[in-house]
Amino acid sequence: MKEVNWQMKEHFVFPKEIGQPESAENIKITPQFTAEEFEGRPKLTGIYNIAVDVNLTENPEETVKHDEAILIDDLDINEKSGYFEYALPFNIDFPPEAENPVDLTVKNPTYEVTDGHLAMIWDVYCTYEEAGIKQDVKATTAAVEHEKVKAEQVVEEEPEQTIAENESTSEEVQETSKVVQETTSFTNNGDEVLDFIAQLEDGISTTSFRLNDVFV
């Protein structure tokens, strides 16, 4: 989002019979607007709704020049103060790179009193989407989605490789088992042959005899 800000200042004067402004209280400045598209970019049309309580002096002697100040002749008078509202119109055109959504807020409302004028002052903050940044965000999102798909494919392929490895391991175990069984069978057969030979009588017999009276 792009943010720009600027300061607004508007002068107000009052009829001589009402009095001159001395100070202001309870200042409220509220923007009200509608957003539309003009020549491919956003445009805001609306008003600053200004509401304020102004404290007045009695019976001013000098005449205040209006110049470009806005004359307020409709006030709700309450002793030495008066309340008024004023709708100040505005139009805001945005640069070509601007896109919706747009927003506008008002901050830091204050005032000045000079030469019989009441000057209302406020800061305007405006935000909008930039086309280039928006495209970069889309590209980044697409790249993230692509990496996510690749990761899912890798996860799906891994179980197949594991199954293949398990099948290979199973075959090796079966071959080893077969060899062990054959070896065991041979050994058992060998034991039977030895037992059979052990049961046979010797082909050589022994006889005891005396020689020179020495027993052998």
C-alpha atoms as a PDB file:
ATOM      1  CA  MET A   1       0.000   0.000   0.000  1.00  0.00           C
ATOM      2  CA  LYS A   2       1.172   3.513  -0.838  1.00  0.00           C
ATOM      3  CA  GLU A   3       0.490   6.307   1.688  1.00  0.00           C
ATOM      4  CA  VAL A   4       0.576  10.044   0.985  1.00  0.00           C
ATOM      5  CA  ASN A   5      -0.330  12.870   3.326  1.00  0.00           C
ATOM      6  CA  TRP A   6      -0.802  16.601   3.192  1.00  0.00           C
ATOM      7  CA  GLN A   7      -2.128  19.436   5.359  1.00  0.00           C
ATOM      8  CA  MET A   8      -5.363  21.335   4.843  1.00  0.00           C
ATOM      9  CA  LYS A   9      -6.092  24.845   6.107  1.00  0.00           C
ATOM     10  CA  GLU A  10      -9.357  26.732   5.717  1.00  0.00           C
ATOM     11  CA  HIS A  11     -10.232  30.231   6.999  1.00  0.00           C
ATOM     12  CA  PHE A  12     -13.613  31.247   8.439  1.00  0.00           C
ATOM     13  CA  VAL A  13     -15.000  34.654   9.419  1.00  0.00           C
ATOM     14  CA  PHE A  14     -18.229  35.752  11.106  1.00  0.00           C
ATOM     15  CA  PRO A  15     -20.548  38.767  10.805  1.00  0.00           C
ATOM     16  CA  LYS A  16     -19.615  41.811  12.897  1.00  0.00           C
ATOM     17  CA  GLU A  17     -22.788  41.625  14.980  1.00  0.00           C
ATOM     18  CA  ILE A  18     -21.960  38.067  16.030  1.00  0.00           C
ATOM     19  CA  GLY A  19     -18.422  38.819  17.094  1.00  0.00           C
ATOM     20  CA  GLN A  20     -14.879  37.785  16.325  1.00  0.00           C
ATOM     21  CA  PRO A  21     -13.420  34.338  17.038  1.00  0.00           C
ATOM     22  CA  GLU A  22     -11.222  34.070  20.115  1.00  0.00           C
ATOM     23  CA  SER A  23     -10.644  30.293  20.377  1.00  0.00           C
ATOM     24  CA  ALA A  24     -12.154  26.975  19.311  1.00  0.00           C
ATOM     25  CA  GLU A  25     -13.145  23.742  21.060  1.00  0.00           C
ATOM     26  CA  ASN A  26     -14.537  20.291  20.267  1.00  0.00           C
ATOM     27  CA  ILE A  27     -13.156  20.270  16.737  1.00  0.00           C
ATOM     28  CA  LYS A  28     -14.376  17.406  14.551  1.00  0.00           C
ATOM     29  CA  ILE A  29     -13.440  17.035  10.889  1.00  0.00           C
ATOM     30  CA  THR A  30     -14.844  13.953   9.191  1.00  0.00           C
ATOM     31  CA  PRO A  31     -14.246  13.013   5.532  1.00  0.00           C
ATOM     32  CA  GLN A  32     -17.231  11.614   3.619  1.00  0.00           C
ATOM     33  CA  PHE A  33     -16.599  10.450   0.065  1.00  0.00           C
ATOM     34  CA  THR A  34     -17.386   8.053  -2.759  1.00  0.00           C
ATOM     35  CA  ALA A  35     -14.754   6.262  -4.877  1.00  0.00           C
ATOM     36  CA  GLU A  36     -15.056   5.876  -8.628  1.00  0.00           C
ATOM     37  CA  GLU A  37     -12.804   5.072 -11.584  1.00  0.00           C
ATOM     38  CA  PHE A  38     -11.839   7.860 -13.947  1.00  0.00           C
ATOM     39  CA  GLU A  39      -9.645   7.221 -17.027  1.00  0.00           C
ATOM     40  CA  GLY A  40      -8.496   3.900 -15.570  1.00  0.00           C
ATOM     41  CA  ARG A  41      -7.517   5.186 -12.128  1.00  0.00           C
ATOM     42  CA  PRO A  42      -9.343   5.881  -8.826  1.00  0.00           C
ATOM     43  CA  LYS A  43     -10.970   9.201  -8.000  1.00  0.00           C
ATOM     44  CA  LEU A  44     -12.505  10.373  -4.728  1.00  0.00           C
ATOM     45  CA  THR A  45     -15.344  12.876  -4.535  1.00  0.00           C
ATOM     46  CA  GLY A  46     -16.659  14.049  -1.189  1.00  0.00           C
ATOM     47  CA  ILE A  47     -16.662  16.600   1.616  1.00  0.00           C
ATOM     48  CA  TYR A  48     -14.833  17.393   4.830  1.00  0.00           C
ATOM     49  CA  ASN A  49     -17.594  17.793   7.416  1.00  0.00           C
ATOM     50  CA  ILE A  50     -16.283  20.454   9.827  1.00  0.00           C
ATOM     51  CA  ALA A  51     -17.976  20.846  13.218  1.00  0.00           C
ATOM     52  CA  VAL A  52     -16.612  23.170  15.922  1.00  0.00           C
ATOM     53  CA  ASP A  53     -17.506  25.257  18.950  1.00  0.00           C
ATOM     54  CA  VAL A  54     -16.056  28.762  18.610  1.00  0.00           C
ATOM     55  CA  ASN A  55     -15.642  31.247  21.448  1.00  0.00           C
ATOM     56  CA  LEU A  56     -16.448  34.826  20.395  1.00  0.00           C
ATOM     57  CA  THR A  57     -15.503  38.325  21.580  1.00  0.00           C
ATOM     58  CA  GLU A  58     -18.185  40.959  22.166  1.00  0.00           C
ATOM     59  CA  ASN A  59     -18.863  43.944  19.856  1.00  0.00           C
ATOM     60  CA  PRO A  60     -15.700  44.041  17.749  1.00  0.00           C
ATOM     61  CA  GLU A  61     -14.794  47.551  16.636  1.00  0.00           C
ATOM     62  CA  GLU A  62     -12.829  46.850  13.461  1.00  0.00           C
ATOM     63  CA  THR A  63     -14.267  45.356  10.319  1.00  0.00           C
ATOM     64  CA  VAL A  64     -12.727  42.060   9.303  1.00  0.00           C
ATOM     65  CA  LYS A  65     -11.852  41.597   5.642  1.00  0.00           C
ATOM     66  CA  HIS A  66     -13.326  38.459   4.166  1.00  0.00           C
ATOM     67  CA  ASP A  67     -10.823  38.079   1.309  1.00  0.00           C
ATOM     68  CA  GLU A  68     -10.946  34.366   0.500  1.00  0.00           C
ATOM     69  CA  ALA A  69     -12.251  33.344   3.924  1.00  0.00           C
ATOM     70  CA  ILE A  70     -15.603  31.579   4.202  1.00  0.00           C
ATOM     71  CA  LEU A  71     -18.288  33.670   5.858  1.00  0.00           C
ATOM     72  CA  ILE A  72     -20.294  31.804   8.486  1.00  0.00           C
ATOM     73  CA  ASP A  73     -23.470  33.649   9.339  1.00  0.00           C
ATOM     74  CA  ASP A  74     -25.465  30.757  10.763  1.00  0.00           C
ATOM     75  CA  LEU A  75     -24.328  29.791  14.257  1.00  0.00           C
ATOM     76  CA  ASP A  76     -26.066  28.286  17.247  1.00  0.00           C
ATOM     77  CA  ILE A  77     -25.225  30.983  19.798  1.00  0.00           C
ATOM     78  CA  ASN A  78     -24.908  30.082  23.464  1.00  0.00           C
ATOM     79  CA  GLU A  79     -23.814  33.111  25.517  1.00  0.00           C
ATOM     80  CA  LYS A  80     -20.223  33.796  24.373  1.00  0.00           C
ATOM     81  CA  SER A  81     -19.807  30.777  22.127  1.00  0.00           C
ATOM     82  CA  GLY A  82     -21.325  29.487  18.962  1.00  0.00           C
ATOM     83  CA  TYR A  83     -21.501  26.130  17.208  1.00  0.00           C
ATOM     84  CA  PHE A  84     -21.380  25.714  13.457  1.00  0.00           C
ATOM     85  CA  GLU A  85     -20.888  23.040  10.817  1.00  0.00           C
ATOM     86  CA  TYR A  86     -19.576  23.408   7.319  1.00  0.00           C
ATOM     87  CA  ALA A  87     -19.180  20.964   4.417  1.00  0.00           C
ATOM     88  CA  LEU A  88     -16.004  21.659   2.449  1.00  0.00           C
ATOM     89  CA  PRO A  89     -16.065  19.810  -0.915  1.00  0.00           C
ATOM     90  CA  PHE A  90     -13.029  18.039  -2.383  1.00  0.00           C
ATOM     91  CA  ASN A  91     -11.963  15.965  -5.381  1.00  0.00           C
ATOM     92  CA  ILE A  92      -8.848  13.789  -5.350  1.00  0.00           C
ATOM     93  CA  ASP A  93      -7.357  12.333  -8.534  1.00  0.00           C
ATOM     94  CA  PHE A  94      -4.769   9.560  -8.224  1.00  0.00           C
ATOM     95  CA  PRO A  95      -1.642   8.863 -10.324  1.00  0.00           C
ATOM     96  CA  PRO A  96      -1.754   6.270 -13.163  1.00  0.00           C
ATOM     97  CA  GLU A  97      -0.118   3.534 -11.052  1.00  0.00           C
ATOM     98  CA  ALA A  98      -2.849   3.764  -8.395  1.00  0.00           C
ATOM     99  CA  GLU A  99      -5.454   1.027  -8.050  1.00  0.00           C
ATOM    100  CA  ASN A 100      -8.319   0.289  -5.702  1.00  0.00           C
ATOM    101  CA  PRO A 101      -8.769  -0.048  -2.780  1.00  0.00           C
ATOM    102  CA  VAL A 102      -8.252   3.544  -1.626  1.00  0.00           C
ATOM    103  CA  ASP A 103      -8.890   5.131   1.750  1.00  0.00           C
ATOM    104  CA  LEU A 104      -8.751   8.603   3.285  1.00  0.00           C
ATOM    105  CA  THR A 105      -8.572   9.662   6.939  1.00  0.00           C
ATOM    106  CA  VAL A 106      -8.171  12.941   8.851  1.00  0.00           C
ATOM    107  CA  LYS A 107      -5.835  13.393  11.841  1.00  0.00           C
ATOM    108  CA  ASN A 108      -4.615  16.156  14.173  1.00  0.00           C
ATOM    109  CA  PRO A 109      -7.426  18.736  13.771  1.00  0.00           C
ATOM    110  CA  THR A 110      -6.507  22.099  15.312  1.00  0.00           C
ATOM    111  CA  TYR A 111      -7.011  25.855  14.756  1.00  0.00           C
ATOM    112  CA  GLU A 112      -5.401  29.307  14.581  1.00  0.00           C
ATOM    113  CA  VAL A 113      -6.931  32.752  15.185  1.00  0.00           C
ATOM    114  CA  THR A 114      -5.389  35.617  13.186  1.00  0.00           C
ATOM    115  CA  ASP A 115      -6.810  39.019  12.154  1.00  0.00           C
ATOM    116  CA  GLY A 116     -10.342  38.056  13.092  1.00  0.00           C
ATOM    117  CA  HIS A 117     -10.187  34.819  11.096  1.00  0.00           C
ATOM    118  CA  LEU A 118     -10.627  31.338  12.469  1.00  0.00           C
ATOM    119  CA  ALA A 119      -8.311  28.997  10.557  1.00  0.00           C
ATOM    120  CA  MET A 120      -9.114  25.300  10.783  1.00  0.00           C
ATOM    121  CA  ILE A 121      -6.105  23.016  10.183  1.00  0.00           C
ATOM    122  CA  TRP A 122      -5.964  19.228   9.713  1.00  0.00           C
ATOM    123  CA  ASP A 123      -3.770  16.495   8.215  1.00  0.00           C
ATOM    124  CA  VAL A 124      -5.069  14.209   5.472  1.00  0.00           C
ATOM    125  CA  TYR A 125      -3.732  10.663   5.063  1.00  0.00           C
ATOM    126  CA  CYS A 126      -4.570   8.801   1.879  1.00  0.00           C
ATOM    127  CA  THR A 127      -3.647   5.200   1.018  1.00  0.00           C
ATOM    128  CA  TYR A 128      -4.021   3.262  -2.217  1.00  0.00           C
ATOM    129  CA  GLU A 129      -2.811   0.092  -3.917  1.00  0.00           C
ATOM    130  CA  GLU A 130       0.061   0.390  -6.404  1.00  0.00           C
ATOM    131  CA  ALA A 131      -0.258  -1.594  -9.631  1.00  0.00           C
ATOM    132  CA  GLY A 132       3.407  -2.663  -9.727  1.00  0.00           C
ATOM    133  CA  ILE A 133       3.419  -3.868  -6.118  1.00  0.00           C
ATOM    134  CA  LYS A 134       0.155  -5.703  -6.661  1.00  0.00           C
ATOM    135  CA  GLN A 135       1.660  -7.595  -9.614  1.00  0.00           C
ATOM    136  CA  ASP A 136       4.752  -8.473  -7.555  1.00  0.00           C
ATOM    137  CA  VAL A 137       2.502  -9.887  -4.837  1.00  0.00           C
ATOM    138  CA  LYS A 138       0.667 -12.010  -7.426  1.00  0.00           C
ATOM    139  CA  ALA A 139       3.977 -13.299  -8.823  1.00  0.00           C
ATOM    140  CA  THR A 140       5.231 -14.166  -5.332  1.00  0.00           C
ATOM    141  CA  THR A 141       1.981 -15.976  -4.549  1.00  0.00           C
ATOM    142  CA  ALA A 142       2.251 -17.977  -7.786  1.00  0.00           C
ATOM    143  CA  ALA A 143       5.849 -18.958  -6.952  1.00  0.00           C
ATOM    144  CA  VAL A 144       4.823 -20.122  -3.469  1.00  0.00           C
ATOM    145  CA  GLU A 145       1.987 -22.201  -4.921  1.00  0.00           C
ATOM    146  CA  HIS A 146       4.403 -23.759  -7.445  1.00  0.00           C
ATOM    147  CA  GLU A 147       6.855 -24.759  -4.695  1.00  0.00           C
ATOM    148  CA  LYS A 148       3.952 -26.171  -2.671  1.00  0.00           C
ATOM    149  CA  VAL A 149       2.861 -28.377  -5.598  1.00  0.00           C
ATOM    150  CA  LYS A 150       6.429 -29.613  -6.082  1.00  0.00           C
ATOM    151  CA  ALA A 151       6.678 -30.480  -2.384  1.00  0.00           C
ATOM    152  CA  GLU A 152       3.398 -32.426  -2.531  1.00  0.00           C
ATOM    153  CA  GLN A 153       4.650 -34.384  -5.555  1.00  0.00           C
ATOM    154  CA  VAL A 154       7.844 -35.343  -3.725  1.00  0.00           C
ATOM    155  CA  VAL A 155       5.836 -36.506  -0.705  1.00  0.00           C
ATOM    156  CA  GLU A 156       3.612 -38.644  -2.958  1.00  0.00           C
ATOM    157  CA  GLU A 157       6.606 -40.272  -4.698  1.00  0.00           C
ATOM    158  CA  GLU A 158       8.458 -41.211  -1.509  1.00  0.00           C
ATOM    159  CA  PRO A 159       6.044 -44.004  -0.387  1.00  0.00           C
ATOM    160  CA  GLU A 160       6.463 -45.776  -3.782  1.00  0.00           C
ATOM    161  CA  GLN A 161      10.244 -45.757  -3.406  1.00  0.00           C
ATOM    162  CA  THR A 162       9.896 -47.120   0.121  1.00  0.00           C
ATOM    163  CA  ILE A 163       7.636 -49.933  -1.083  1.00  0.00           C
ATOM    164  CA  ALA A 164      10.148 -50.837  -3.780  1.00  0.00           C
ATOM    165  CA  GLU A 165      12.959 -50.872  -1.220  1.00  0.00           C
ATOM    166  CA  ASN A 166      10.868 -53.030   1.139  1.00  0.00           C
ATOM    167  CA  GLU A 167      10.141 -55.520  -1.657  1.00  0.00           C
ATOM    168  CA  SER A 168      13.873 -55.720  -2.461  1.00  0.00           C
ATOM    169  CA  THR A 169      14.731 -56.243   1.203  1.00  0.00           C
ATOM    170  CA  SER A 170      12.051 -58.936   1.492  1.00  0.00           C
ATOM    171  CA  GLU A 171      13.541 -60.824  -1.474  1.00  0.00           C
ATOM    172  CA  GLU A 172      17.013 -60.685   0.113  1.00  0.00           C
ATOM    173  CA  VAL A 173      15.626 -62.039   3.394  1.00  0.00           C
ATOM    174  CA  GLN A 174      13.902 -64.895   1.562  1.00  0.00           C
ATOM    175  CA  GLU A 175      17.157 -65.809  -0.282  1.00  0.00           C
ATOM    176  CA  THR A 176      19.110 -65.737   2.980  1.00  0.00           C
ATOM    177  CA  SER A 177      16.488 -67.919   4.661  1.00  0.00           C
ATOM    178  CA  LYS A 178      16.704 -70.428   1.825  1.00  0.00           C
ATOM    179  CA  VAL A 179      20.485 -70.705   2.169  1.00  0.00           C
ATOM    180  CA  VAL A 180      20.194 -71.145   5.916  1.00  0.00           C
ATOM    181  CA  GLN A 181      17.596 -73.878   5.472  1.00  0.00           C
ATOM    182  CA  GLU A 182      19.775 -75.702   2.942  1.00  0.00           C
ATOM    183  CA  THR A 183      22.800 -75.446   5.219  1.00  0.00           C
ATOM    184  CA  THR A 184      20.791 -76.713   8.152  1.00  0.00           C
ATOM    185  CA  SER A 185      19.486 -79.670   6.120  1.00  0.00           C
ATOM    186  CA  PHE A 186      23.003 -80.584   5.049  1.00  0.00           C
ATOM    187  CA  THR A 187      24.227 -80.452   8.606  1.00  0.00           C
ATOM    188  CA  ASN A 188      21.421 -82.643   9.840  1.00  0.00           C
ATOM    189  CA  ASN A 189      22.096 -85.161   7.066  1.00  0.00           C
ATOM    190  CA  GLY A 190      25.754 -85.121   8.021  1.00  0.00           C
ATOM    191  CA  ASP A 191      24.858 -85.965  11.619  1.00  0.00           C
ATOM    192  CA  GLU A 192      22.811 -88.958  10.472  1.00  0.00           C
ATOM    193  CA  VAL A 193      25.727 -90.277   8.397  1.00  0.00           C
ATOM    194  CA  LEU A 194      28.115 -89.947  11.316  1.00  0.00           C
ATOM    195  CA  ASP A 195      25.657 -91.714  13.602  1.00  0.00           C
ATOM    196  CA  PHE A 196      25.329 -94.503  11.093  1.00  0.00           C
ATOM    197  CA  ILE A 197      29.109 -94.915  10.832  1.00  0.00           C
ATOM    198  CA  ALA A 198      29.450 -94.891  14.606  1.00  0.00           C
ATOM    199  CA  GLN A 199      27.030 -97.816  14.852  1.00  0.00           C
ATOM    200  CA  LEU A 200      29.123 -99.980  12.460  1.00  0.00           C
ATOM    201  CA  GLU A 201      31.562-102.544  13.941  1.00  0.00           C
ATOM    202  CA  ASP A 202      35.244-102.077  13.294  1.00  0.00           C
ATOM    203  CA  GLY A 203      36.688-104.206  10.522  1.00  0.00           C
ATOM    204  CA  ILE A 204      39.798-104.830  12.616  1.00  0.00           C
ATOM    205  CA  SER A 205      39.637-107.037  15.723  1.00  0.00           C
ATOM    206  CA  THR A 206      42.146-107.065  18.564  1.00  0.00           C
ATOM    207  CA  THR A 207      43.592-110.056  20.366  1.00  0.00           C
ATOM    208  CA  SER A 208      45.565-110.121  23.575  1.00  0.00           C
ATOM    209  CA  PHE A 209      48.663-112.422  23.792  1.00  0.00           C
ATOM    210  CA  ARG A 210      51.785-112.755  25.888  1.00  0.00           C
ATOM    211  CA  LEU A 211      55.271-112.085  24.621  1.00  0.00           C
ATOM    212  CA  ASN A 212      58.116-112.650  26.940  1.00  0.00           C
ATOM    213  CA  ASP A 213      55.700-112.436  29.783  1.00  0.00           C
ATOM    214  CA  VAL A 214      54.963-108.807  28.926  1.00  0.00           C
ATOM    215  CA  PHE A 215      51.280-108.043  28.647  1.00  0.00           C
ATOM    216  CA  VAL A 216      50.417-105.934  25.728  1.00  0.00           C
END
